[in-house]
């Protein structure tokens, strides 16, 4: 702080520190519980089919127990990797809304006050304020930790979906080649659960991230309001403010949005996931119908 004014770097650090606080340990605890429950799916299906959850011979018991422990670890990591994008998007949205509320974006400020937040007011009164707000918005907008965001929101999720698709294809080929044996419903349910968790992660992250991308457009409205106030209230440097808003606004509008699955985070991403999920559901329903007909 110097001469009664706050540096843009200090303000940016304040917004990041306020939003990206430590997550509660309860999130990890829930992932452990969900991983344990998911690892019970295959033993339960084996118990319903044969009466033995872990096989009958010593070799089968060793194999099934090892499979149970391995799937538990895999499921735990899978839940954590799919939970992180939701946490990250929520904290990004919190940071963007706090920034906009502090600089008196009317709609965001009203929503924040209804939620019980009392954000620190920061007023733009000159050209330096316009430049400072642009610098903070640019640094904390979609480009904030873009590499980390691409890794989890796109890279890992794409690999997960491709892996699940190959696993589904393997189950389908096994069903076709093993005549009369039928599907291994324990494996089908495990893959289906992974698909459901990934779909929920993509759905929640996309909807939250879409609001983060919208924050860039709301930042442009703050700059436009500053230009209007400079002209109406006849600021000493109003000509410089008007010119800065034109230049900095064009630069801010050119920022690339946050991506999901290497695509801009919009509802088109959800349509793509729904298309993949529909094929999987069609396969499962077809198998169920075939088994019901064979029973009849």
Protein backbone atom coordinates (compact mmCIF):
# COMPACT_ATOMS: atom_id res chain seq x y z
CA UNK A 1 0.00 0.00 0.00
CA UNK A 2 1.41 3.39 -0.98
CA UNK A 3 -0.14 6.86 -0.86
CA UNK A 4 -3.44 5.40 0.30
CA UNK A 5 -3.72 3.20 -2.79
CA UNK A 6 -3.55 -0.59 -3.12
CA UNK A 7 -1.17 -2.19 -5.59
CA UNK A 8 -2.77 -4.42 -8.21
CA UNK A 9 -0.42 -7.27 -7.27
CA UNK A 10 -1.45 -7.06 -3.59
CA UNK A 11 -5.14 -7.02 -4.55
CA UNK A 12 -4.68 -10.04 -6.83
CA UNK A 13 -2.90 -11.93 -4.04
CA UNK A 14 -5.76 -11.09 -1.68
CA UNK A 15 -8.42 -12.49 -4.04
CA UNK A 16 -6.43 -15.68 -4.70
CA UNK A 17 -5.73 -16.24 -1.00
CA UNK A 18 -9.38 -15.65 -0.07
CA UNK A 19 -10.77 -18.09 -2.66
CA UNK A 20 -8.16 -20.87 -2.74
CA UNK A 21 -8.25 -21.88 0.89
CA UNK A 22 -7.60 -25.41 2.09
CA UNK A 23 -10.39 -27.85 1.24
CA UNK A 24 -11.98 -29.79 4.13
CA UNK A 25 -10.68 -33.28 4.86
CA UNK A 26 -14.26 -34.55 4.58
CA UNK A 27 -13.88 -34.56 0.79
CA UNK A 28 -11.05 -37.09 1.01
CA UNK A 29 -13.02 -39.14 3.54
CA UNK A 30 -15.99 -39.35 1.18
CA UNK A 31 -13.69 -40.50 -1.62
CA UNK A 32 -12.32 -43.28 0.59
CA UNK A 33 -15.84 -44.44 1.49
CA UNK A 34 -17.01 -44.32 -2.13
CA UNK A 35 -13.91 -46.23 -3.26
CA UNK A 36 -14.57 -48.95 -0.69
CA UNK A 37 -18.23 -49.22 -1.70
CA UNK A 38 -17.29 -49.37 -5.40
CA UNK A 39 -14.80 -52.18 -4.72
CA UNK A 40 -17.62 -54.25 -3.18
CA UNK A 41 -19.63 -54.31 -6.42
CA UNK A 42 -17.87 -57.29 -8.02
CA UNK A 43 -17.83 -59.47 -4.86
CA UNK A 44 -21.52 -58.76 -4.30
CA UNK A 45 -22.38 -59.76 -7.87
CA UNK A 46 -20.33 -62.95 -7.49
CA UNK A 47 -22.14 -63.71 -4.23
CA UNK A 48 -25.55 -63.24 -5.85
CA UNK A 49 -24.59 -65.44 -8.80
CA UNK A 50 -22.64 -68.25 -7.09
CA UNK A 51 -23.03 -67.77 -3.34
CA UNK A 52 -19.28 -67.13 -2.94
CA UNK A 53 -18.04 -63.50 -3.03
CA UNK A 54 -14.36 -64.45 -3.39
CA UNK A 55 -14.50 -67.81 -5.15
CA UNK A 56 -14.17 -71.33 -3.81
CA UNK A 57 -10.59 -72.47 -4.40
CA UNK A 58 -7.54 -70.89 -2.68
CA UNK A 59 -6.30 -69.56 -6.03
CA UNK A 60 -9.65 -67.88 -6.72
CA UNK A 61 -9.70 -66.37 -3.23
CA UNK A 62 -6.20 -64.93 -3.63
CA UNK A 63 -7.06 -63.53 -7.06
CA UNK A 64 -10.39 -62.01 -5.97
CA UNK A 65 -8.94 -60.47 -2.80
CA UNK A 66 -6.06 -58.97 -4.80
CA UNK A 67 -8.58 -57.69 -7.33
CA UNK A 68 -10.67 -56.18 -4.53
CA UNK A 69 -7.68 -54.31 -3.05
CA UNK A 70 -6.44 -53.15 -6.45
CA UNK A 71 -9.83 -51.86 -7.50
CA UNK A 72 -10.20 -50.05 -4.15
CA UNK A 73 -6.98 -48.11 -4.73
CA UNK A 74 -7.93 -47.42 -8.37
CA UNK A 75 -11.42 -46.26 -7.40
CA UNK A 76 -10.04 -43.96 -4.68
CA UNK A 77 -7.66 -42.28 -7.13
CA UNK A 78 -10.40 -42.13 -9.76
CA UNK A 79 -12.79 -40.33 -7.39
CA UNK A 80 -10.06 -37.89 -6.31
CA UNK A 81 -9.05 -37.08 -9.90
CA UNK A 82 -12.69 -36.48 -10.85
CA UNK A 83 -13.42 -34.42 -7.75
CA UNK A 84 -10.49 -32.03 -8.21
CA UNK A 85 -11.91 -30.27 -11.33
CA UNK A 86 -15.11 -29.50 -9.41
CA UNK A 87 -13.17 -28.07 -6.46
CA UNK A 88 -10.92 -26.04 -8.75
CA UNK A 89 -13.84 -24.63 -10.77
CA UNK A 90 -15.73 -23.72 -7.58
CA UNK A 91 -12.75 -21.84 -6.19
CA UNK A 92 -12.20 -20.06 -9.50
CA UNK A 93 -15.82 -18.96 -9.53
CA UNK A 94 -15.54 -17.78 -5.93
CA UNK A 95 -12.47 -15.72 -6.86
CA UNK A 96 -14.12 -14.18 -9.94
CA UNK A 97 -17.30 -13.28 -8.07
CA UNK A 98 -15.35 -11.78 -5.17
CA UNK A 99 -13.33 -9.65 -7.60
CA UNK A 100 -16.37 -8.39 -9.47
CA UNK A 101 -18.31 -7.72 -6.28
CA UNK A 102 -15.42 -5.68 -4.84
CA UNK A 103 -15.36 -3.52 -7.97
CA UNK A 104 -19.14 -2.97 -7.68
CA UNK A 105 -20.50 -5.10 -10.51
CA UNK A 106 -24.15 -4.65 -9.54
CA UNK A 107 -25.54 -8.11 -10.31
CA UNK A 108 -22.62 -10.01 -8.76
CA UNK A 109 -22.52 -7.74 -5.73
CA UNK A 110 -26.23 -8.22 -5.10
CA UNK A 111 -25.93 -12.04 -5.29
CA UNK A 112 -22.92 -12.04 -3.00
CA UNK A 113 -24.68 -9.94 -0.40
CA UNK A 114 -27.70 -12.25 -0.49
CA UNK A 115 -25.31 -15.14 0.24
CA UNK A 116 -23.91 -13.30 3.26
CA UNK A 117 -20.57 -12.13 1.81
CA UNK A 118 -19.20 -8.67 2.63
CA UNK A 119 -16.51 -8.07 0.02
CA UNK A 120 -13.90 -5.34 0.36
CA UNK A 121 -14.99 -2.34 -1.78
CA UNK A 122 -12.45 -1.18 -4.37
CA UNK A 123 -13.40 1.91 -6.36
CA UNK A 124 -12.08 2.96 -9.78
CA UNK A 125 -11.62 6.74 -9.78
CA UNK A 126 -8.90 7.35 -12.37
CA UNK A 127 -6.91 5.85 -15.23
CA UNK A 128 -4.60 4.00 -12.85
CA UNK A 129 -7.65 2.28 -11.35
CA UNK A 130 -8.77 1.17 -14.82
CA UNK A 131 -5.33 -0.25 -15.57
CA UNK A 132 -5.18 -1.98 -12.19
CA UNK A 133 -8.59 -3.61 -12.63
CA UNK A 134 -7.64 -4.80 -16.12
CA UNK A 135 -4.38 -6.28 -14.81
CA UNK A 136 -6.16 -8.15 -12.00
CA UNK A 137 -8.93 -9.40 -14.30
CA UNK A 138 -6.43 -10.57 -16.88
CA UNK A 139 -4.23 -12.32 -14.31
CA UNK A 140 -7.08 -14.01 -12.40
CA UNK A 141 -9.34 -14.75 -15.36
CA UNK A 142 -9.35 -17.85 -17.59
CA UNK A 143 -5.56 -17.69 -17.94
CA UNK A 144 -5.01 -18.20 -14.21
CA UNK A 145 -3.15 -21.54 -13.82
CA UNK A 146 -4.25 -22.50 -17.34
CA UNK A 147 -1.74 -25.34 -17.58
CA UNK A 148 -3.04 -27.02 -14.42
CA UNK A 149 -6.62 -26.50 -15.59
CA UNK A 150 -5.91 -28.08 -18.98
CA UNK A 151 -4.24 -31.05 -17.32
CA UNK A 152 -7.19 -31.97 -15.10
CA UNK A 153 -10.19 -30.58 -17.02
CA UNK A 154 -9.06 -31.87 -20.38
CA UNK A 155 -6.07 -34.23 -20.36
CA UNK A 156 -7.02 -36.57 -17.55
CA UNK A 157 -10.73 -36.56 -18.40
CA UNK A 158 -10.06 -37.38 -22.07
CA UNK A 159 -7.77 -40.26 -21.08
CA UNK A 160 -10.42 -41.47 -18.62
CA UNK A 161 -13.19 -41.45 -21.21
CA UNK A 162 -11.02 -43.19 -23.83
CA UNK A 163 -10.02 -45.81 -21.26
CA UNK A 164 -13.64 -46.41 -20.29
CA UNK A 165 -14.65 -46.70 -23.94
CA UNK A 166 -11.99 -49.35 -24.56
CA UNK A 167 -13.07 -51.21 -21.43
CA UNK A 168 -16.68 -51.15 -22.61
CA UNK A 169 -15.62 -52.39 -26.04
CA UNK A 170 -13.66 -55.20 -24.37
CA UNK A 171 -16.69 -56.29 -22.36
CA UNK A 172 -18.86 -56.19 -25.49
CA UNK A 173 -16.34 -58.27 -27.49
CA UNK A 174 -16.09 -60.77 -24.64
CA UNK A 175 -19.86 -61.13 -24.68
CA UNK A 176 -19.89 -61.70 -28.44
CA UNK A 177 -17.02 -64.23 -28.46
CA UNK A 178 -18.17 -66.19 -25.39
CA UNK A 179 -21.38 -67.66 -26.74
CA UNK A 180 -24.05 -68.27 -24.13
CA UNK A 181 -21.90 -67.14 -21.19
CA UNK A 182 -23.39 -63.63 -20.98
CA UNK A 183 -21.97 -60.46 -19.52
CA UNK A 184 -19.92 -60.28 -16.35
CA UNK A 185 -22.33 -57.96 -14.60
CA UNK A 186 -19.86 -57.15 -11.84
CA UNK A 187 -17.44 -55.68 -14.39
CA UNK A 188 -20.29 -53.98 -16.26
CA UNK A 189 -21.49 -52.26 -13.09
CA UNK A 190 -17.94 -51.18 -12.19
CA UNK A 191 -17.45 -49.61 -15.61
CA UNK A 192 -20.91 -48.06 -15.44
CA UNK A 193 -20.12 -46.50 -12.06
CA UNK A 194 -16.87 -45.02 -13.45
CA UNK A 195 -18.82 -43.62 -16.42
CA UNK A 196 -21.39 -42.10 -14.06
CA UNK A 197 -18.74 -40.48 -11.83
CA UNK A 198 -16.89 -39.06 -14.85
CA UNK A 199 -20.17 -37.76 -16.33
CA UNK A 200 -21.13 -36.05 -13.07
CA UNK A 201 -17.65 -34.50 -12.83
CA UNK A 202 -17.84 -33.18 -16.40
CA UNK A 203 -21.40 -31.92 -15.88
CA UNK A 204 -20.67 -30.04 -12.66
CA UNK A 205 -17.30 -28.69 -13.81
CA UNK A 206 -18.67 -27.50 -17.16
CA UNK A 207 -21.61 -25.65 -15.60
CA UNK A 208 -19.37 -23.93 -13.03
CA UNK A 209 -16.59 -23.17 -15.52
CA UNK A 210 -19.10 -21.65 -17.93
CA UNK A 211 -19.90 -19.07 -15.26
CA UNK A 212 -16.16 -18.40 -14.80
CA UNK A 213 -15.86 -17.66 -18.52
CA UNK A 214 -18.85 -15.34 -18.25
CA UNK A 215 -16.91 -13.34 -15.64
CA UNK A 216 -14.72 -11.97 -18.45
CA UNK A 217 -17.77 -10.35 -20.08
CA UNK A 218 -18.86 -8.96 -16.72
CA UNK A 219 -15.40 -7.43 -16.28
CA UNK A 220 -15.91 -5.60 -19.57
CA UNK A 221 -19.10 -4.09 -18.13
CA UNK A 222 -17.12 -2.77 -15.15
CA UNK A 223 -14.71 -1.06 -17.55
CA UNK A 224 -17.61 0.38 -19.53
CA UNK A 225 -19.16 1.75 -16.35
CA UNK A 226 -15.82 3.37 -15.43
CA UNK A 227 -15.73 5.08 -18.84
CA UNK A 228 -19.28 6.41 -18.39
CA UNK A 229 -18.48 7.73 -14.91
CA UNK A 230 -15.30 9.38 -16.20
CA UNK A 231 -17.29 11.30 -18.81
CA UNK A 232 -20.32 12.10 -16.66
CA UNK A 233 -18.34 13.15 -13.58
CA UNK A 234 -15.65 14.84 -15.68
CA UNK A 235 -12.61 13.15 -14.23
CA UNK A 236 -9.38 15.10 -14.83
CA UNK A 237 -7.99 12.21 -16.90
CA UNK A 238 -11.27 11.26 -18.61
CA UNK A 239 -9.73 11.27 -22.09
CA UNK A 240 -7.08 8.82 -20.97
CA UNK A 241 -9.72 6.64 -19.29
CA UNK A 242 -11.85 6.52 -22.45
CA UNK A 243 -8.83 5.51 -24.53
CA UNK A 244 -7.70 2.92 -21.99
CA UNK A 245 -11.13 1.28 -21.83
CA UNK A 246 -11.14 0.85 -25.60
CA UNK A 247 -7.66 -0.68 -25.70
CA UNK A 248 -7.80 -2.77 -22.53
CA UNK A 249 -11.37 -3.90 -23.17
CA UNK A 250 -10.39 -5.27 -26.59
CA UNK A 251 -7.45 -7.06 -25.00
CA UNK A 252 -9.62 -8.57 -22.25
CA UNK A 253 -12.24 -9.74 -24.74
CA UNK A 254 -9.51 -11.61 -26.64
CA UNK A 255 -8.77 -13.94 -23.72
CA UNK A 256 -9.41 -17.59 -24.56
CA UNK A 257 -12.03 -19.26 -22.33
CA UNK A 258 -11.39 -22.11 -19.93
CA UNK A 259 -11.68 -25.44 -21.72
CA UNK A 260 -13.28 -28.78 -20.93
CA UNK A 261 -12.15 -31.82 -22.94
CA UNK A 262 -10.09 -29.39 -25.07
CA UNK A 263 -13.26 -27.47 -26.02
CA UNK A 264 -14.63 -24.19 -24.62
CA UNK A 265 -16.65 -24.96 -21.49
CA UNK A 266 -20.18 -24.72 -22.89
CA UNK A 267 -23.20 -26.97 -22.90
CA UNK A 268 -21.96 -28.52 -26.16
CA UNK A 269 -19.55 -30.52 -24.01
CA UNK A 270 -22.51 -32.01 -22.17
CA UNK A 271 -24.10 -33.05 -25.48
CA UNK A 272 -20.92 -34.93 -26.39
CA UNK A 273 -20.86 -36.79 -23.07
CA UNK A 274 -24.55 -37.62 -23.39
CA UNK A 275 -23.92 -39.13 -26.83
CA UNK A 276 -21.21 -41.46 -25.47
CA UNK A 277 -23.35 -42.39 -22.48
CA UNK A 278 -26.33 -43.24 -24.68
CA UNK A 279 -24.35 -45.88 -26.56
CA UNK A 280 -23.30 -47.50 -23.29
CA UNK A 281 -26.85 -47.52 -21.93
CA UNK A 282 -28.13 -48.99 -25.20
CA UNK A 283 -25.62 -51.86 -24.92
CA UNK A 284 -26.65 -52.63 -21.33
CA UNK A 285 -30.38 -52.52 -22.08
CA UNK A 286 -29.89 -54.77 -25.12
CA UNK A 287 -28.13 -57.36 -23.00
CA UNK A 288 -30.80 -57.18 -20.32
CA UNK A 289 -33.53 -57.66 -22.91
CA UNK A 290 -31.68 -60.63 -24.43
CA UNK A 291 -31.31 -62.33 -21.06
CA UNK A 292 -34.95 -61.76 -20.20
CA UNK A 293 -35.98 -63.36 -23.49
CA UNK A 294 -33.72 -66.36 -22.82
CA UNK A 295 -35.30 -66.81 -19.38
CA UNK A 296 -38.79 -66.77 -20.91
